[in-house]
Protein backbone atom coordinates (compact mmCIF):
# COMPACT_ATOMS: atom_id res chain seq x y z
CA MET A 1 -17.53 -91.27 19.52
CA SER A 2 -14.51 -91.50 22.50
CA ILE A 3 -15.08 -89.94 25.79
CA GLY A 4 -12.23 -87.27 24.59
CA GLU A 5 -14.10 -86.37 21.73
CA PHE A 6 -17.21 -86.58 23.40
CA ILE A 7 -15.40 -83.91 25.95
CA ILE A 8 -14.37 -81.81 22.78
CA THR A 9 -18.20 -81.82 21.10
CA ASN A 10 -19.43 -80.67 24.26
CA PHE A 11 -17.16 -77.54 25.16
CA ASN A 12 -17.39 -76.97 21.88
CA ASP A 13 -21.19 -76.67 22.26
CA PHE A 14 -21.22 -75.02 25.51
CA ILE A 15 -18.64 -72.02 24.01
CA SER A 16 -20.95 -71.39 21.16
CA TYR A 17 -23.48 -70.83 23.83
CA THR A 18 -21.80 -68.14 25.53
CA GLY A 19 -22.08 -64.48 25.87
CA PHE A 20 -18.47 -64.22 24.60
CA ALA A 21 -19.11 -66.28 21.16
CA ASN A 22 -22.59 -64.29 20.25
CA ALA A 23 -21.54 -60.51 21.51
CA THR A 24 -21.54 -58.15 18.57
CA VAL A 25 -20.20 -54.07 19.00
CA GLY A 26 -23.64 -53.29 18.85
CA ASN A 27 -24.43 -55.57 22.04
CA LEU A 28 -21.45 -53.73 24.04
CA ILE A 29 -22.76 -50.39 23.16
CA MET A 30 -25.89 -50.68 24.20
CA ILE A 31 -24.51 -52.95 28.21
CA VAL A 32 -22.55 -49.07 27.95
CA THR A 33 -25.27 -47.45 27.77
CA GLY A 34 -26.64 -49.05 30.27
CA ALA A 35 -24.20 -48.55 33.25
CA PHE A 36 -24.44 -44.90 31.93
CA PHE A 37 -28.00 -44.67 32.86
CA ILE A 38 -27.32 -46.48 36.48
CA TRP A 39 -23.94 -44.54 36.69
CA LEU A 40 -26.57 -40.92 36.02
CA ALA A 41 -29.33 -42.18 38.78
CA ILE A 42 -26.90 -43.03 41.33
CA LYS A 43 -24.12 -40.55 41.02
CA LYS A 44 -25.98 -37.20 39.52
CA ASP A 45 -29.39 -38.08 41.31
CA PHE A 46 -31.51 -38.33 38.12
CA GLU A 47 -34.40 -40.27 38.90
CA PRO A 48 -33.11 -43.35 40.55
CA LEU A 49 -36.28 -45.10 41.14
CA LEU A 50 -36.53 -45.17 36.90
CA LEU A 51 -32.96 -45.28 35.45
CA VAL A 52 -31.52 -47.69 37.82
CA PRO A 53 -34.60 -50.72 36.96
CA ILE A 54 -34.26 -49.25 32.67
CA GLY A 55 -30.24 -49.87 33.27
CA LEU A 56 -30.06 -53.06 34.23
CA GLY A 57 -32.71 -53.99 32.16
CA ILE A 58 -30.69 -52.82 28.89
CA ILE A 59 -27.77 -54.40 30.32
CA LEU A 60 -30.00 -57.93 30.69
CA GLY A 61 -31.52 -56.93 27.42
CA ASN A 62 -28.51 -57.20 25.78
CA ILE A 63 -26.13 -60.60 27.10
CA PRO A 64 -25.60 -62.05 23.65
CA PHE A 65 -26.82 -66.12 23.75
CA ARG A 66 -28.00 -68.17 20.65
CA ALA A 67 -30.98 -67.06 19.69
CA ASP A 68 -31.43 -70.60 17.99
CA ALA A 69 -31.03 -72.31 20.90
CA GLY A 70 -34.55 -72.51 22.36
CA LEU A 71 -33.24 -71.61 25.99
CA GLU A 72 -36.66 -69.60 26.38
CA ILE A 73 -34.47 -66.64 28.64
CA GLY A 74 -34.79 -63.97 25.81
CA LEU A 75 -37.31 -61.24 26.08
CA TYR A 76 -39.24 -61.87 22.81
CA GLU A 77 -39.42 -65.81 23.32
CA ASP A 78 -42.61 -67.42 23.90
CA ASN A 79 -43.01 -68.62 27.70
CA SER A 80 -39.57 -67.03 29.35
CA VAL A 81 -40.33 -65.14 32.22
CA LEU A 82 -38.54 -61.95 30.43
CA ASN A 83 -41.67 -62.12 27.69
CA ILE A 84 -44.08 -63.12 30.48
CA PHE A 85 -43.75 -59.50 32.62
CA TYR A 86 -43.04 -58.30 28.70
CA GLN A 87 -46.56 -58.36 28.53
CA GLY A 88 -47.36 -56.12 30.36
CA VAL A 89 -45.75 -53.35 28.73
CA ARG A 90 -46.89 -55.25 25.36
CA GLN A 91 -50.61 -55.09 26.19
CA GLY A 92 -50.62 -51.67 28.23
CA TRP A 93 -51.29 -53.15 31.36
CA TYR A 94 -48.72 -51.05 33.59
CA PRO A 95 -49.78 -47.75 32.61
CA PRO A 96 -53.00 -47.92 34.24
CA LEU A 97 -51.97 -48.74 37.04
CA VAL A 98 -48.99 -46.42 37.35
CA PHE A 99 -51.93 -43.46 36.92
CA LEU A 100 -53.70 -45.37 39.63
CA GLY A 101 -51.10 -44.66 41.77
CA ILE A 102 -50.42 -41.27 40.47
CA GLY A 103 -54.10 -40.52 41.09
CA ALA A 104 -54.23 -41.75 44.77
CA MET A 105 -50.69 -39.66 45.85
CA THR A 106 -51.80 -36.51 43.97
CA ASP A 107 -53.37 -33.32 45.54
CA PHE A 108 -55.89 -31.84 42.96
CA SER A 109 -56.55 -28.74 45.64
CA ALA A 110 -54.48 -26.04 43.36
CA LEU A 111 -56.31 -26.96 40.46
CA ILE A 112 -59.46 -26.47 42.53
CA ALA A 113 -58.77 -23.34 43.55
CA ASN A 114 -57.96 -21.85 40.78
CA PRO A 115 -59.15 -23.19 37.38
CA LYS A 116 -58.13 -21.21 35.06
CA LEU A 117 -54.41 -23.17 35.63
CA ILE A 118 -55.69 -26.20 33.25
CA LEU A 119 -55.79 -23.70 30.55
CA ILE A 120 -51.35 -24.10 31.27
CA GLY A 121 -51.79 -27.74 31.41
CA ALA A 122 -53.20 -27.82 27.88
CA ALA A 123 -51.09 -25.95 26.47
CA ALA A 124 -48.15 -27.55 27.06
CA GLN A 125 -49.69 -30.20 25.00
CA PHE A 126 -48.56 -28.14 21.91
CA GLY A 127 -45.31 -29.69 22.13
CA ILE A 128 -46.99 -33.68 21.58
CA PHE A 129 -48.96 -31.54 18.34
CA GLY A 130 -45.69 -30.14 17.21
CA ALA A 131 -43.77 -32.79 17.42
CA TYR A 132 -46.28 -34.90 15.55
CA MET A 133 -46.46 -32.87 12.74
CA ILE A 134 -42.78 -32.50 12.46
CA ALA A 135 -42.18 -36.32 12.56
CA LEU A 136 -44.70 -37.25 9.47
CA LEU A 137 -42.36 -34.74 7.66
CA LEU A 138 -39.86 -36.65 8.12
CA GLY A 139 -41.41 -39.23 7.20
CA PHE A 140 -42.30 -41.63 10.45
CA GLU A 141 -46.42 -43.17 9.39
CA PRO A 142 -48.83 -41.63 11.21
CA ASN A 143 -49.54 -44.20 14.13
CA GLN A 144 -45.46 -44.23 14.91
CA ALA A 145 -45.83 -40.48 14.76
CA ALA A 146 -48.18 -40.37 17.40
CA GLY A 147 -46.17 -42.51 19.76
CA ILE A 148 -43.36 -40.52 19.56
CA ALA A 149 -45.16 -37.59 19.85
CA ILE A 150 -46.97 -38.03 23.04
CA ILE A 151 -42.66 -38.02 24.67
CA GLY A 152 -43.73 -34.42 24.43
CA GLY A 153 -45.80 -34.42 27.64
CA ALA A 154 -42.84 -36.10 29.03
CA ASP A 155 -45.36 -38.55 31.23
CA GLY A 156 -43.60 -42.11 30.42
CA PRO A 157 -46.56 -44.31 31.20
CA THR A 158 -48.25 -42.34 28.36
CA ALA A 159 -46.07 -43.19 25.77
CA ILE A 160 -45.41 -47.05 27.04
CA PHE A 161 -49.48 -46.95 26.55
CA LEU A 162 -49.65 -44.80 23.68
CA SER A 163 -46.85 -46.78 21.86
CA SER A 164 -48.17 -50.25 22.75
CA LYS A 165 -51.09 -49.34 20.88
CA LEU A 166 -50.03 -48.11 18.18
CA SER A 167 -45.95 -48.18 16.79
CA PRO A 168 -45.69 -51.69 19.36
CA ASN A 169 -41.90 -51.73 17.30
CA LEU A 170 -40.85 -48.54 18.99
CA MET A 171 -41.70 -48.39 21.68
CA GLY A 172 -38.54 -49.94 23.42
CA ALA A 173 -36.49 -46.69 22.28
CA ILE A 174 -39.90 -43.96 22.48
CA ALA A 175 -39.90 -45.11 26.16
CA VAL A 176 -36.10 -44.95 27.25
CA CYS A 177 -36.52 -41.33 25.31
CA ALA A 178 -39.81 -40.51 27.54
CA TYR A 179 -37.66 -41.59 30.85
CA SER A 180 -34.87 -40.16 29.50
CA TYR A 181 -36.22 -36.95 29.17
CA MET A 182 -38.38 -37.10 32.25
CA ALA A 183 -35.28 -37.36 34.21
CA LEU A 184 -33.46 -34.18 32.35
CA VAL A 185 -36.17 -31.96 33.24
CA PRO A 186 -33.62 -30.25 36.39
CA VAL A 187 -31.34 -29.79 33.00
CA ILE A 188 -33.50 -29.11 29.61
CA GLN A 189 -36.38 -26.42 31.36
CA PRO A 190 -34.48 -23.87 33.49
CA PHE A 191 -32.32 -22.65 30.53
CA VAL A 192 -36.15 -22.36 28.48
CA MET A 193 -37.72 -20.50 31.04
CA ARG A 194 -35.17 -18.32 31.52
CA LEU A 195 -34.84 -17.60 28.22
CA LEU A 196 -38.89 -16.33 27.47
CA THR A 197 -39.06 -14.81 30.79
CA THR A 198 -37.96 -11.58 31.91
CA ASN A 199 -36.45 -10.75 35.43
CA LYS A 200 -39.75 -8.38 36.21
CA GLU A 201 -41.90 -11.58 35.44
CA ARG A 202 -40.02 -13.63 37.22
CA LEU A 203 -40.47 -11.24 40.23
CA ILE A 204 -44.56 -12.03 40.10
CA LYS A 205 -45.97 -13.28 43.49
CA MET A 206 -49.43 -14.84 42.94
CA LYS A 207 -52.01 -15.00 45.64
CA PRO A 208 -52.20 -18.11 47.79
CA GLY A 209 -54.79 -20.56 46.48
CA ARG A 210 -58.78 -20.66 48.77
CA GLN A 211 -59.04 -23.23 51.20
CA VAL A 212 -61.26 -26.18 49.38
CA SER A 213 -63.34 -28.36 50.69
CA GLN A 214 -63.65 -31.97 51.34
CA THR A 215 -66.67 -32.16 49.22
CA GLU A 216 -64.86 -30.00 46.19
CA ARG A 217 -62.27 -32.91 46.39
CA ILE A 218 -63.94 -35.79 46.42
CA LEU A 219 -66.19 -34.49 43.19
CA PHE A 220 -63.38 -33.20 41.59
CA PRO A 221 -62.37 -37.12 40.40
CA ILE A 222 -65.89 -38.12 39.28
CA ILE A 223 -66.60 -35.05 37.38
CA GLY A 224 -62.84 -35.08 35.77
CA LEU A 225 -63.97 -38.68 34.83
CA LEU A 226 -66.85 -37.48 33.23
CA LEU A 227 -66.03 -34.98 30.98
CA THR A 228 -62.15 -35.74 30.36
CA THR A 229 -64.05 -39.63 29.08
CA PHE A 230 -67.13 -38.60 27.17
CA LEU A 231 -64.67 -36.84 25.48
CA VAL A 232 -61.89 -38.69 24.64
CA PRO A 233 -63.34 -42.64 25.91
CA SER A 234 -60.14 -43.58 23.76
CA GLY A 235 -58.65 -42.08 27.15
CA LEU A 236 -61.15 -44.00 29.55
CA PRO A 237 -57.75 -46.83 30.84
CA LEU A 238 -55.17 -44.27 32.06
CA LEU A 239 -58.05 -41.49 32.79
CA GLY A 240 -60.62 -43.69 34.79
CA MET A 241 -57.50 -45.23 37.06
CA LEU A 242 -55.92 -41.86 37.30
CA PHE A 243 -59.57 -40.78 39.02
CA PHE A 244 -60.17 -43.53 40.35
CA GLY A 245 -56.97 -43.42 42.59
CA ASN A 246 -57.36 -39.74 43.41
CA LEU A 247 -61.48 -40.83 44.52
CA LEU A 248 -59.51 -43.72 47.12
CA LYS A 249 -57.39 -40.99 48.26
CA GLU A 250 -59.90 -38.67 48.90
CA SER A 251 -63.40 -39.82 49.97
CA GLY A 252 -61.44 -40.03 53.40
CA LYS A 253 -62.65 -44.14 53.48
CA THR A 254 -60.70 -45.89 51.93
CA SER A 255 -56.94 -44.48 53.14
CA ARG A 256 -55.63 -48.59 53.13
CA LEU A 257 -56.65 -48.88 49.61
CA ALA A 258 -54.77 -45.38 48.61
CA LYS A 259 -51.82 -46.10 50.07
CA THR A 260 -51.35 -49.61 48.76
CA ALA A 261 -51.62 -47.89 45.46
CA THR A 262 -49.18 -45.48 45.62
CA THR A 263 -46.69 -47.61 47.87
CA SER A 264 -46.38 -51.99 47.63
CA LEU A 265 -48.12 -51.80 44.12
CA ASN A 266 -46.89 -48.89 42.57
CA ASP A 267 -43.08 -50.01 43.29
CA ILE A 268 -44.13 -53.03 42.42
CA VAL A 269 -44.92 -52.18 38.83
CA VAL A 270 -42.50 -49.32 38.31
CA VAL A 271 -39.70 -52.33 39.17
CA LEU A 272 -40.69 -54.55 36.61
CA LEU A 273 -42.05 -51.61 34.09
CA GLY A 274 -38.78 -49.68 33.82
CA LEU A 275 -37.10 -53.29 33.68
CA THR A 276 -39.03 -55.14 31.06
CA VAL A 277 -39.09 -51.72 29.12
CA GLY A 278 -34.80 -51.63 29.56
CA CYS A 279 -34.79 -55.25 28.21
CA SER A 280 -36.75 -53.80 25.41
CA THR A 281 -33.71 -52.07 23.76
CA GLN A 282 -31.47 -54.90 21.91
CA ALA A 283 -29.00 -53.00 19.98
CA SER A 284 -30.58 -55.30 17.04
CA GLU A 285 -33.56 -52.70 17.26
CA PHE A 286 -32.49 -50.29 19.03
CA LEU A 287 -29.15 -48.89 17.27
CA THR A 288 -31.39 -47.62 14.44
CA LEU A 289 -31.29 -44.02 11.94
CA ASN A 290 -34.97 -43.99 13.92
CA THR A 291 -33.69 -44.21 17.07
CA ILE A 292 -31.87 -41.56 16.48
CA LYS A 293 -34.97 -39.17 14.98
CA ILE A 294 -36.76 -40.75 17.88
CA PHE A 295 -34.62 -38.71 20.86
CA ALA A 296 -34.29 -35.36 18.68
CA LEU A 297 -37.89 -35.69 18.07
CA GLY A 298 -38.44 -35.92 22.09
CA ALA A 299 -36.32 -33.48 22.63
CA PHE A 300 -37.73 -31.14 20.20
CA ALA A 301 -41.28 -32.06 21.66
CA PHE A 302 -40.24 -31.03 25.30
CA ILE A 303 -39.17 -28.18 24.69
CA ILE A 304 -41.77 -27.17 22.53
CA ALA A 305 -43.95 -28.32 25.71
CA THR A 306 -42.36 -25.82 28.56
CA ALA A 307 -42.23 -22.87 25.59
CA SER A 308 -45.22 -23.32 24.74
CA GLY A 309 -46.55 -23.19 28.92
CA VAL A 310 -44.46 -20.30 29.74
CA LEU A 311 -45.41 -18.18 26.55
CA PHE A 312 -49.24 -18.87 27.08
CA VAL A 313 -48.86 -17.90 31.00
CA LYS A 314 -47.67 -14.40 29.22
CA LEU A 315 -50.30 -14.53 26.48
CA MET A 316 -53.05 -14.37 29.84
CA ASN A 317 -51.41 -12.44 31.77
CA LEU A 318 -52.60 -9.97 29.35
CA PHE A 319 -55.65 -9.67 29.95
CA LEU A 320 -55.39 -10.51 33.77
CA PRO A 321 -56.11 -8.06 36.36
CA ARG A 322 -52.80 -6.31 37.49
CA ASN A 323 -53.07 -7.85 40.84
CA ASN A 324 -54.22 -10.68 40.05
CA LYS A 325 -51.02 -11.73 37.03
CA ILE A 326 -49.92 -15.22 37.21
CA ASN A 327 -45.65 -15.95 37.49
CA PRO A 328 -44.89 -17.78 33.79
CA LEU A 329 -42.27 -19.66 35.76
CA ILE A 330 -44.98 -21.71 36.49
CA GLY A 331 -45.75 -22.49 32.92
CA ASN A 332 -43.28 -24.94 32.31
CA ALA A 333 -45.44 -26.79 34.96
CA GLY A 334 -47.65 -27.63 32.22
CA VAL A 335 -45.53 -30.84 31.36
CA SER A 336 -47.12 -33.68 33.40
CA ALA A 337 -43.49 -34.72 35.03
CA VAL A 338 -45.31 -34.83 38.57
CA PRO A 339 -43.86 -33.18 41.02
CA MET A 340 -40.45 -32.37 38.97
CA ALA A 341 -41.55 -29.68 37.22
CA ALA A 342 -43.38 -28.18 40.15
CA ARG A 343 -40.24 -27.66 42.05
CA ILE A 344 -38.60 -26.26 38.95
CA SER A 345 -40.80 -23.23 39.25
CA ASN A 346 -40.36 -23.23 42.54
CA ASN A 347 -36.47 -23.39 42.82
CA ILE A 348 -36.26 -21.00 39.96
CA GLY A 349 -38.59 -18.46 41.26
CA LEU A 350 -36.77 -18.31 44.64
CA GLU A 351 -33.24 -17.82 42.68
CA TYR A 352 -34.66 -14.39 41.79
CA ASP A 353 -36.61 -13.70 45.39
CA ARG A 354 -36.23 -15.82 47.96
CA HIS A 355 -39.63 -15.43 49.43
CA ASN A 356 -41.52 -15.88 46.32
CA PHE A 357 -42.68 -19.71 46.84
CA LEU A 358 -44.15 -20.75 43.87
CA LEU A 359 -44.39 -25.24 44.81
CA MET A 360 -48.10 -24.88 45.60
CA HIS A 361 -49.31 -22.83 42.06
CA ALA A 362 -46.89 -24.53 39.85
CA MET A 363 -48.96 -28.06 40.74
CA GLY A 364 -51.56 -27.07 39.73
CA PRO A 365 -50.58 -26.80 36.03
CA ASN A 366 -48.58 -29.60 36.16
CA VAL A 367 -51.78 -32.15 38.06
CA ALA A 368 -53.62 -30.32 35.17
CA GLY A 369 -50.78 -31.62 32.38
CA VAL A 370 -51.40 -35.54 33.68
CA ILE A 371 -54.63 -35.23 32.78
CA GLY A 372 -53.76 -33.42 29.29
CA SER A 373 -50.94 -35.93 28.30
CA ALA A 374 -53.74 -38.28 28.89
CA VAL A 375 -56.32 -36.71 27.20
CA ALA A 376 -53.73 -36.20 24.04
CA ALA A 377 -52.82 -39.79 23.90
CA GLY A 378 -56.71 -40.88 23.99
CA THR A 379 -57.22 -37.92 21.09
CA LEU A 380 -54.28 -39.96 18.93
CA LEU A 381 -55.32 -43.32 19.81
CA GLY A 382 -59.50 -42.70 18.80
CA PHE A 383 -57.74 -40.50 15.41
CA LEU A 384 -55.96 -42.69 14.33
CA SER A 385 -56.77 -46.81 15.93
């Protein structure tokens, strides 16, 4: 072979490896989608800590290359760097670590001071089980339906954990859907809250919660761990790490560990989780009819969860004394999007009475929703695994 032929042959081989030669319309659609996520995060300030890594991951996961090249660079290629990172999602390592950070940064005082607020967090989980039944009717297998339904809890790590165990083939779509709706909490929830409440109900002022002692705050994660994991042992990875993180915070003796769990460790996990979840959305797997169904079911589950929380508060008020009513606007906080949902409760309340601060009251059902979604995930995992 002459030098000229050698150069031409190698140049043609090089061209065949490039993204230009291997790109599909699906790749381009997903790259635009990833750019849109980044735009929402930066321009609209929609959960940038989540959407920037996911958006860049979507772009990264859809850079086209020859699958038969043996370059070991793709997410699903053994021994590639991305594949090693992806094992944290696939094997369910990242979600418990996220729950460790959530527990270490969460103050359960509002819930301890007013324990009946945990019922609101439980009521919001109706969105999960309602979506589960609808998913079955749409033809999804029980395991797939469970992974999709957990989106209604507005808890991305829980959705990833459950789908990695029950429906790994749908995990990319489920994870992106869950995080997308978490970011859209300020868009979706206010409409439902206004629709289901009257002006009189929105003006209800709640009594300040009692002071919670340090002993109560220390005992809560221990008692909470025992009660929830004895009920649903399959939720142990999430619930165990959640309450462990909270004990680190409340003990008063492990502040360094609590700080690490909420800062550097949490940041590293969120970066790897968001990036690899985004990378898992290859066009060939993501751009399907099932993905459209998942996004529709996710929206349905999220709306039902919000409505269930609000309506349950209205039901509770029928049995509560006049001077101890609960403002139904905090019912939306029963989903586990902490503290976004609680801030929505507070902001809507201030629109109707600028002196009616609901944030601390809403944090009760909000943190109860974190526990509730983990219990719901453990319940589904126990029944279906």
